[in-house]
Amino acid sequence: MPALIASGSNEAALAFVEIGAVVLGLALLARLAGRLGITAVPLYLIAGLALGEGGLVQLDVAEDFISIVAEIGVLLLLFTLGLEYSDIELRSGLRTGVLPGIVDMLLNGLPGVAAGLLLGWSPLAAVLLGGATWVSSSGVVSKVLSDLHRLGFRETPAILNLLVIEDLAMAVYLPVVAALIVGGTVLATLTSVAIALVVVTVILLSALFYGRKLSDLLIGGSDEALLLAVFGVTLLVAGVAQQLEVSGAIGAFLVGLALSGQAEERAIQLITPLRDLFAAIFFLFFSFQVDPAKLLDALLPAFGLAIVTAFTKMLTGWFAAKRVGAAQKGRLRAGATLIARGEFSIVIAALGAGLIDGPELGALVAGYVLVTAIMGPLVAKYADNIKLPTRKKLQPAPA
């Protein structure tokens, strides 16, 4: 027995050392990203490549713990994205953002589907890649708008409306593709899809009509009580959603949508530090599972896809911002701000990890997110310097 205790103690000590070293490394990367003026997501992904299979260092003891923390990280990430939308913004987004949302899906989803088919992947893997190229990173976009002090700009409502539509579309897209991935007979697949859509609809309507009551129930008590209640409800709803073959991440997103008023404001303050810690580990763990050799093979198509979809996002932003009366510079800023992809793209790729083309999908999406998460904020920062071609005025003919 003493030998077993000693063995367990040594294993725990090693796990503490590994986890502590990883978290300290992430802290240094976050500080470096702040110095460079970019989001830390690409640096976290690179760190994961260095620690995974085929990387410079391999984690053994702490891998299972990091896996669970990464799962919680994506739930908190999507929960806080939901917190960013009030029920008023949600209804406004649904009312005015549908047409730009359709344009967004066609312009940015189809290049990903086409690229997957050209690479010889299965149609399902190609559809997953289309989802990864379609959705902008709400986290990166929000940070860019905040860091560049553009929250009050004319084009910003158009950007936020597009994010609302994309995030809500994911509430349908993710459970549908998850049901298709599980497979089975046609009837079983259709049943799974129908159940997923019903569950999402019920949770969304509950968030819209009963969110205030939930907020009132949670608002009482200390910060400690609120934090525990919000964290518990998020995990509970995500777990139930996952049991019903709906993405747990979408369950967490809809819980965030439900909260409003003081409960929303306090939850943002309390959850944000926790989210940053867990989400950093989520990004690290995603690329932790990517073979660096496969990533090198995927870099060229990832870069080409990033260039194509940066242009299509610019067109999307131009169209959406024009509808709200933004000038040409504002339309350019809107498109540039939307270029970055991140959390949803990685969640989509993680869903397809078990497919035959899953490793290639994961590697390509990791490279794609790396490129766009660096390119997007930089292009957004200097969007005002982009010179548009001007029409030459016809000079009157000499008399």
Protein backbone atom coordinates (compact mmCIF):
# COMPACT_ATOMS: atom_id res chain seq x y z
CA MET A 1 0.00 0.00 0.00
CA PRO A 2 2.74 2.56 0.83
CA ALA A 3 4.35 1.74 -2.50
CA LEU A 4 1.04 2.40 -4.30
CA ILE A 5 0.57 5.69 -2.43
CA ALA A 6 4.13 6.70 -3.27
CA SER A 7 3.56 5.78 -6.93
CA GLY A 8 0.33 7.82 -7.04
CA SER A 9 2.01 10.74 -5.31
CA ASN A 10 4.88 10.73 -7.82
CA GLU A 11 2.43 10.61 -10.73
CA ALA A 12 0.44 13.52 -9.27
CA ALA A 13 3.64 15.49 -8.73
CA LEU A 14 4.66 14.92 -12.34
CA ALA A 15 1.19 15.97 -13.53
CA PHE A 16 1.44 19.19 -11.46
CA VAL A 17 4.83 19.95 -13.01
CA GLU A 18 3.56 19.34 -16.54
CA ILE A 19 0.36 21.37 -16.08
CA GLY A 20 2.21 24.19 -14.33
CA ALA A 21 4.79 24.37 -17.13
CA VAL A 22 2.06 24.40 -19.79
CA VAL A 23 0.07 27.19 -18.09
CA LEU A 24 3.20 29.29 -17.56
CA GLY A 25 4.10 28.81 -21.21
CA LEU A 26 0.62 29.98 -22.23
CA ALA A 27 1.02 33.04 -20.01
CA LEU A 28 4.26 33.96 -21.80
CA LEU A 29 2.58 33.49 -25.19
CA ALA A 30 -0.34 35.70 -24.14
CA ARG A 31 2.10 38.41 -23.09
CA LEU A 32 4.01 38.08 -26.38
CA ALA A 33 0.75 38.36 -28.35
CA GLY A 34 -0.09 41.53 -26.42
CA ARG A 35 3.28 43.00 -27.34
CA LEU A 36 2.77 42.11 -31.01
CA GLY A 37 -0.79 43.47 -31.00
CA ILE A 38 -2.35 40.21 -32.24
CA THR A 39 -4.66 37.59 -30.77
CA ALA A 40 -2.89 34.82 -28.84
CA VAL A 41 -4.81 32.01 -30.61
CA PRO A 42 -2.14 31.34 -33.32
CA LEU A 43 0.58 31.15 -30.66
CA TYR A 44 -1.48 28.67 -28.60
CA LEU A 45 -1.93 26.51 -31.71
CA ILE A 46 1.82 26.55 -32.42
CA ALA A 47 2.52 25.58 -28.80
CA GLY A 48 0.11 22.63 -29.11
CA LEU A 49 2.01 21.41 -32.17
CA ALA A 50 5.24 21.49 -30.17
CA LEU A 51 3.74 19.41 -27.35
CA GLY A 52 1.79 16.82 -29.35
CA GLU A 53 2.71 13.64 -31.11
CA GLY A 54 5.68 14.28 -33.34
CA GLY A 55 6.42 17.56 -31.55
CA LEU A 56 9.42 18.64 -29.51
CA VAL A 57 8.06 17.54 -26.12
CA GLN A 58 5.29 15.06 -25.27
CA LEU A 59 2.94 15.27 -22.29
CA ASP A 60 2.15 11.87 -20.81
CA VAL A 61 0.68 12.10 -17.31
CA ALA A 62 -1.32 15.32 -17.75
CA GLU A 63 -2.88 14.53 -21.16
CA ASP A 64 -6.22 13.22 -19.82
CA PHE A 65 -6.61 16.19 -17.47
CA ILE A 66 -5.83 18.66 -20.25
CA SER A 67 -8.39 16.91 -22.48
CA ILE A 68 -11.20 17.48 -19.94
CA VAL A 69 -10.11 21.08 -19.32
CA ALA A 70 -10.12 21.67 -23.10
CA GLU A 71 -13.72 20.39 -23.32
CA ILE A 72 -14.76 22.79 -20.56
CA GLY A 73 -12.82 25.54 -22.33
CA VAL A 74 -14.91 25.34 -25.48
CA LEU A 75 -18.11 25.38 -23.39
CA LEU A 76 -17.05 28.55 -21.56
CA LEU A 77 -15.90 30.13 -24.81
CA LEU A 78 -19.28 29.61 -26.44
CA PHE A 79 -21.12 30.57 -23.23
CA THR A 80 -19.40 33.96 -23.14
CA LEU A 81 -20.12 34.47 -26.84
CA GLY A 82 -23.79 33.99 -26.00
CA LEU A 83 -23.49 36.56 -23.22
CA GLU A 84 -22.49 39.19 -25.78
CA TYR A 85 -25.97 39.18 -27.31
CA SER A 86 -29.03 40.58 -25.56
CA ASP A 87 -32.50 39.36 -26.52
CA ILE A 88 -33.08 42.73 -28.25
CA GLU A 89 -29.89 42.34 -30.33
CA LEU A 90 -30.86 38.77 -31.10
CA ARG A 91 -34.29 39.72 -32.43
CA SER A 92 -32.79 42.65 -34.36
CA GLY A 93 -30.14 40.39 -35.87
CA LEU A 94 -32.74 37.84 -36.94
CA ARG A 95 -34.88 40.58 -38.48
CA THR A 96 -32.25 42.50 -40.41
CA GLY A 97 -29.33 40.14 -40.85
CA VAL A 98 -30.85 37.19 -42.72
CA LEU A 99 -30.00 38.37 -46.26
CA PRO A 100 -26.37 39.30 -45.40
CA GLY A 101 -26.17 35.98 -43.54
CA ILE A 102 -27.19 34.04 -46.65
CA VAL A 103 -24.67 35.96 -48.76
CA ASP A 104 -22.05 35.26 -46.09
CA MET A 105 -22.78 31.51 -46.11
CA LEU A 106 -22.63 31.23 -49.91
CA LEU A 107 -19.54 33.39 -50.43
CA ASN A 108 -17.49 31.86 -47.62
CA GLY A 109 -18.85 28.33 -47.18
CA LEU A 110 -18.75 27.22 -50.82
CA PRO A 111 -14.98 27.80 -51.27
CA GLY A 112 -14.32 25.45 -48.34
CA VAL A 113 -16.65 22.77 -49.72
CA ALA A 114 -15.03 23.09 -53.15
CA ALA A 115 -11.53 22.86 -51.66
CA GLY A 116 -12.45 19.70 -49.73
CA LEU A 117 -13.85 18.03 -52.86
CA LEU A 118 -10.80 19.07 -54.92
CA LEU A 119 -8.58 17.46 -52.27
CA GLY A 120 -10.48 14.21 -52.78
CA TRP A 121 -12.20 14.18 -49.39
CA SER A 122 -15.58 12.69 -48.66
CA PRO A 123 -18.57 15.04 -49.13
CA LEU A 124 -19.11 15.18 -45.35
CA ALA A 125 -15.49 16.22 -44.69
CA ALA A 126 -15.84 18.85 -47.44
CA VAL A 127 -19.02 20.20 -45.79
CA LEU A 128 -17.15 20.44 -42.48
CA LEU A 129 -14.36 22.40 -44.18
CA GLY A 130 -17.04 24.67 -45.67
CA GLY A 131 -18.34 25.34 -42.17
CA ALA A 132 -14.82 26.14 -40.97
CA THR A 133 -14.29 28.70 -43.76
CA TRP A 134 -17.77 30.19 -43.37
CA VAL A 135 -17.80 31.39 -39.76
CA SER A 136 -15.74 34.33 -38.52
CA SER A 137 -14.23 34.22 -35.03
CA SER A 138 -16.59 36.16 -32.75
CA GLY A 139 -13.88 36.25 -30.09
CA VAL A 140 -11.20 37.69 -32.38
CA VAL A 141 -13.62 40.09 -34.11
CA SER A 142 -14.90 41.42 -30.76
CA LYS A 143 -11.33 41.93 -29.56
CA VAL A 144 -10.34 43.73 -32.77
CA LEU A 145 -13.32 46.09 -32.53
CA SER A 146 -12.50 46.82 -28.90
CA ASP A 147 -8.73 47.20 -29.37
CA LEU A 148 -9.13 49.50 -32.38
CA HIS A 149 -11.86 51.56 -30.64
CA ARG A 150 -14.38 50.92 -33.42
CA LEU A 151 -17.39 49.85 -31.36
CA GLY A 152 -19.17 53.13 -32.15
CA PHE A 153 -18.39 53.14 -35.89
CA ARG A 154 -21.19 53.18 -38.47
CA GLU A 155 -20.38 49.71 -39.84
CA THR A 156 -20.12 47.95 -36.45
CA PRO A 157 -23.85 47.03 -36.14
CA ALA A 158 -23.61 45.27 -39.52
CA ILE A 159 -20.58 43.29 -38.28
CA LEU A 160 -22.32 42.30 -35.05
CA ASN A 161 -25.50 41.31 -36.92
CA LEU A 162 -23.48 38.97 -39.12
CA LEU A 163 -21.86 37.41 -36.05
CA VAL A 164 -25.30 36.87 -34.50
CA ILE A 165 -26.56 35.14 -37.66
CA GLU A 166 -23.42 33.00 -37.95
CA ASP A 167 -23.53 31.92 -34.32
CA LEU A 168 -27.25 31.06 -34.54
CA ALA A 169 -26.66 29.20 -37.80
CA MET A 170 -24.09 27.10 -35.96
CA ALA A 171 -26.85 26.10 -33.54
CA VAL A 172 -28.44 24.30 -36.50
CA TYR A 173 -25.31 23.35 -38.47
CA LEU A 174 -23.39 21.62 -35.66
CA PRO A 175 -26.11 19.22 -34.50
CA VAL A 176 -26.95 18.33 -38.11
CA VAL A 177 -23.36 17.47 -39.07
CA ALA A 178 -22.87 15.68 -35.73
CA ALA A 179 -25.85 13.45 -36.57
CA LEU A 180 -24.46 12.83 -40.06
CA ILE A 181 -21.06 11.90 -38.61
CA VAL A 182 -22.63 9.34 -36.29
CA GLY A 183 -24.30 7.86 -39.39
CA GLY A 184 -26.44 4.75 -39.42
CA THR A 185 -29.52 4.13 -41.53
CA VAL A 186 -31.22 6.98 -43.38
CA LEU A 187 -34.14 6.83 -40.94
CA ALA A 188 -31.85 6.88 -37.89
CA THR A 189 -29.89 9.83 -39.29
CA LEU A 190 -33.06 11.80 -40.10
CA THR A 191 -34.40 11.03 -36.61
CA SER A 192 -31.17 12.27 -35.00
CA VAL A 193 -31.25 15.45 -37.08
CA ALA A 194 -34.91 16.07 -36.21
CA ILE A 195 -34.29 15.53 -32.48
CA ALA A 196 -31.28 17.87 -32.60
CA LEU A 197 -33.25 20.62 -34.33
CA VAL A 198 -36.17 20.29 -31.90
CA VAL A 199 -33.82 20.47 -28.90
CA VAL A 200 -32.05 23.55 -30.28
CA THR A 201 -35.39 25.25 -31.05
CA VAL A 202 -36.73 24.53 -27.56
CA ILE A 203 -33.58 25.84 -25.86
CA LEU A 204 -33.49 28.93 -28.11
CA LEU A 205 -37.15 29.79 -27.49
CA SER A 206 -36.64 29.19 -23.76
CA ALA A 207 -33.68 31.56 -23.86
CA LEU A 208 -35.75 34.22 -25.61
CA PHE A 209 -38.91 33.97 -23.51
CA TYR A 210 -37.68 32.74 -20.12
CA GLY A 211 -34.14 34.12 -20.05
CA ARG A 212 -35.09 37.00 -17.78
CA LYS A 213 -36.64 34.63 -15.24
CA LEU A 214 -33.46 32.53 -15.21
CA SER A 215 -31.43 35.71 -14.77
CA ASP A 216 -33.60 36.76 -11.82
CA LEU A 217 -33.13 33.35 -10.18
CA LEU A 218 -29.35 33.52 -10.51
CA ILE A 219 -28.76 37.17 -9.59
CA GLY A 220 -29.23 36.83 -5.82
CA GLY A 221 -26.36 35.97 -3.50
CA SER A 222 -22.63 36.54 -3.56
CA ASP A 223 -20.29 36.50 -6.54
CA GLU A 224 -19.17 33.05 -5.43
CA ALA A 225 -22.76 31.74 -5.52
CA LEU A 226 -23.40 33.30 -8.94
CA LEU A 227 -20.17 31.90 -10.42
CA LEU A 228 -20.93 28.39 -9.18
CA ALA A 229 -24.55 28.59 -10.38
CA VAL A 230 -23.64 29.86 -13.86
CA PHE A 231 -20.82 27.34 -14.23
CA GLY A 232 -23.07 24.52 -13.07
CA VAL A 233 -26.00 25.44 -15.33
CA THR A 234 -23.67 25.74 -18.33
CA LEU A 235 -22.15 22.29 -17.79
CA LEU A 236 -25.56 20.77 -17.04
CA VAL A 237 -27.28 22.10 -20.17
CA ALA A 238 -24.24 21.25 -22.32
CA GLY A 239 -24.22 17.71 -20.94
CA VAL A 240 -27.94 17.19 -21.54
CA ALA A 241 -27.62 18.63 -25.05
CA GLN A 242 -24.74 16.26 -25.80
CA GLN A 243 -26.77 13.30 -24.52
CA LEU A 244 -29.44 14.27 -27.08
CA GLU A 245 -26.77 14.37 -29.82
CA VAL A 246 -26.68 18.16 -29.95
CA SER A 247 -23.31 19.86 -29.62
CA GLY A 248 -22.63 20.71 -25.97
CA ALA A 249 -20.99 23.91 -27.17
CA ILE A 250 -24.29 25.07 -28.67
CA GLY A 251 -26.06 24.27 -25.39
CA ALA A 252 -23.55 26.49 -23.58
CA PHE A 253 -23.98 29.25 -26.20
CA LEU A 254 -27.76 29.25 -25.70
CA VAL A 255 -27.35 29.46 -21.90
CA GLY A 256 -25.27 32.59 -22.47
CA LEU A 257 -28.03 33.98 -24.70
CA ALA A 258 -30.58 33.40 -21.94
CA LEU A 259 -28.84 35.58 -19.34
CA SER A 260 -29.55 39.30 -19.34
CA GLY A 261 -29.40 42.40 -17.16
CA GLN A 262 -27.30 42.34 -13.97
CA ALA A 263 -26.87 38.56 -14.14
CA GLU A 264 -25.27 38.94 -17.58
CA GLU A 265 -22.99 41.80 -16.49
CA ARG A 266 -21.80 40.03 -13.34
CA ALA A 267 -21.39 36.70 -15.16
CA ILE A 268 -19.14 38.33 -17.78
CA GLN A 269 -16.87 39.75 -15.06
CA LEU A 270 -16.71 36.48 -13.13
CA ILE A 271 -16.44 34.00 -16.00
CA THR A 272 -14.03 35.88 -18.30
CA PRO A 273 -10.80 35.03 -16.41
CA LEU A 274 -11.91 31.40 -16.08
CA ARG A 275 -12.81 31.31 -19.77
CA ASP A 276 -9.44 32.71 -20.81
CA LEU A 277 -7.62 29.99 -18.87
CA PHE A 278 -9.73 27.08 -20.10
CA ALA A 279 -10.04 28.39 -23.67
CA ALA A 280 -6.26 28.77 -23.99
CA ILE A 281 -5.91 25.10 -23.09
CA PHE A 282 -8.65 24.21 -25.60
CA PHE A 283 -6.74 25.82 -28.49
CA LEU A 284 -3.53 24.20 -27.32
CA PHE A 285 -5.16 20.77 -27.04
CA PHE A 286 -6.70 21.01 -30.52
CA SER A 287 -3.35 21.41 -32.25
CA PHE A 288 -1.85 18.98 -29.70
CA GLN A 289 -3.72 16.29 -31.70
CA VAL A 290 -2.46 17.50 -35.10
CA ASP A 291 0.57 15.80 -36.62
CA PRO A 292 3.09 18.58 -37.49
CA ALA A 293 4.07 16.67 -40.64
CA LYS A 294 0.45 16.79 -41.85
CA LEU A 295 0.29 20.49 -41.00
CA LEU A 296 3.31 21.19 -43.21
CA ASP A 297 1.60 19.38 -46.07
CA ALA A 298 -1.56 21.42 -45.44
CA LEU A 299 0.06 24.87 -45.22
CA LEU A 300 -0.04 25.61 -48.95
CA PRO A 301 -3.75 24.79 -49.42
CA ALA A 302 -4.51 26.50 -46.08
CA PHE A 303 -2.78 29.68 -47.24
CA GLY A 304 -4.51 29.59 -50.63
CA LEU A 305 -7.88 29.05 -48.98
CA ALA A 306 -7.16 31.90 -46.55
CA ILE A 307 -6.44 34.30 -49.42
CA VAL A 308 -9.63 33.32 -51.28
CA THR A 309 -11.88 33.54 -48.22
CA ALA A 310 -10.27 36.77 -47.02
CA PHE A 311 -11.44 38.28 -50.32
CA THR A 312 -14.93 36.76 -49.97
CA LYS A 313 -15.22 38.05 -46.38
CA MET A 314 -14.26 41.49 -47.63
CA LEU A 315 -17.14 41.25 -50.13
CA THR A 316 -19.47 40.04 -47.37
CA GLY A 317 -18.55 42.91 -45.07
CA TRP A 318 -18.84 45.41 -47.93
CA PHE A 319 -22.37 44.18 -48.72
CA ALA A 320 -23.52 44.14 -45.08
CA ALA A 321 -22.03 47.56 -44.23
CA LYS A 322 -23.45 49.15 -47.39
CA ARG A 323 -26.95 48.13 -46.23
CA VAL A 324 -26.54 50.19 -43.05
CA GLY A 325 -25.28 53.24 -44.94
CA ALA A 326 -21.54 52.97 -44.23
CA ALA A 327 -19.14 54.79 -46.54
CA GLN A 328 -16.53 52.96 -48.63
CA LYS A 329 -13.90 53.06 -45.87
CA GLY A 330 -16.41 51.64 -43.40
CA ARG A 331 -17.31 48.83 -45.80
CA LEU A 332 -13.62 47.96 -46.14
CA ARG A 333 -13.18 47.98 -42.37
CA ALA A 334 -16.20 45.70 -41.95
CA GLY A 335 -14.85 43.15 -44.42
CA ALA A 336 -11.34 43.23 -42.98
CA THR A 337 -12.62 42.82 -39.42
CA LEU A 338 -14.48 39.63 -40.38
CA ILE A 339 -11.48 37.82 -41.93
CA ALA A 340 -10.28 36.01 -38.79
CA ARG A 341 -11.55 32.49 -38.12
CA GLY A 342 -11.14 30.77 -34.75
CA GLU A 343 -13.20 28.95 -32.15
CA PHE A 344 -16.09 27.64 -34.27
CA SER A 345 -13.75 26.56 -37.07
CA ILE A 346 -11.77 24.49 -34.60
CA VAL A 347 -14.92 23.06 -32.98
CA ILE A 348 -16.10 21.98 -36.45
CA ALA A 349 -12.77 20.35 -37.27
CA ALA A 350 -12.74 18.57 -33.91
CA LEU A 351 -16.19 17.11 -34.73
CA GLY A 352 -14.73 15.45 -37.81
CA ALA A 353 -11.66 14.01 -36.09
CA GLY A 354 -13.01 10.45 -36.38
CA LEU A 355 -13.66 10.63 -40.15
CA ILE A 356 -11.32 8.98 -42.65
CA ASP A 357 -10.21 12.45 -43.75
CA GLY A 358 -10.29 13.74 -40.14
CA PRO A 359 -6.49 14.10 -39.65
CA GLU A 360 -6.14 16.03 -42.92
CA LEU A 361 -9.18 18.18 -42.03
CA GLY A 362 -7.72 18.98 -38.60
CA ALA A 363 -4.33 19.89 -40.06
CA LEU A 364 -5.81 22.08 -42.80
CA VAL A 365 -8.14 23.92 -40.40
CA ALA A 366 -5.30 24.43 -37.90
CA GLY A 367 -3.16 26.01 -40.62
CA TYR A 368 -6.11 28.01 -41.94
CA VAL A 369 -6.96 29.41 -38.49
CA LEU A 370 -3.28 30.24 -37.92
CA VAL A 371 -3.12 32.26 -41.14
CA THR A 372 -6.48 34.05 -40.83
CA ALA A 373 -6.14 34.78 -37.10
CA ILE A 374 -2.88 36.62 -37.87
CA MET A 375 -3.96 38.12 -41.18
CA GLY A 376 -7.39 39.36 -40.02
CA PRO A 377 -6.40 41.72 -37.19
CA LEU A 378 -3.50 43.12 -39.25
CA VAL A 379 -5.65 43.83 -42.32
CA ALA A 380 -8.35 45.32 -40.06
CA LYS A 381 -5.79 47.57 -38.40
CA TYR A 382 -4.59 49.02 -41.71
CA ALA A 383 -7.90 48.85 -43.63
CA ASP A 384 -8.14 52.64 -43.79
CA ASN A 385 -4.89 52.69 -45.78
CA ILE A 386 -6.32 50.52 -48.57
CA LYS A 387 -6.76 52.64 -51.67
CA LEU A 388 -9.74 51.90 -53.85
CA PRO A 389 -9.63 52.43 -57.60
CA THR A 390 -11.40 55.62 -58.59
CA ARG A 391 -13.22 56.31 -61.78
CA LYS A 392 -11.55 58.87 -63.96
CA LYS A 393 -13.74 61.81 -64.77
CA LEU A 394 -14.23 62.40 -68.48
CA GLN A 395 -12.66 65.65 -69.54
CA PRO A 396 -14.70 67.79 -71.88
CA ALA A 397 -13.45 67.73 -75.46
CA PRO A 398 -11.54 70.83 -76.50
CA ALA A 399 -13.59 73.31 -78.49
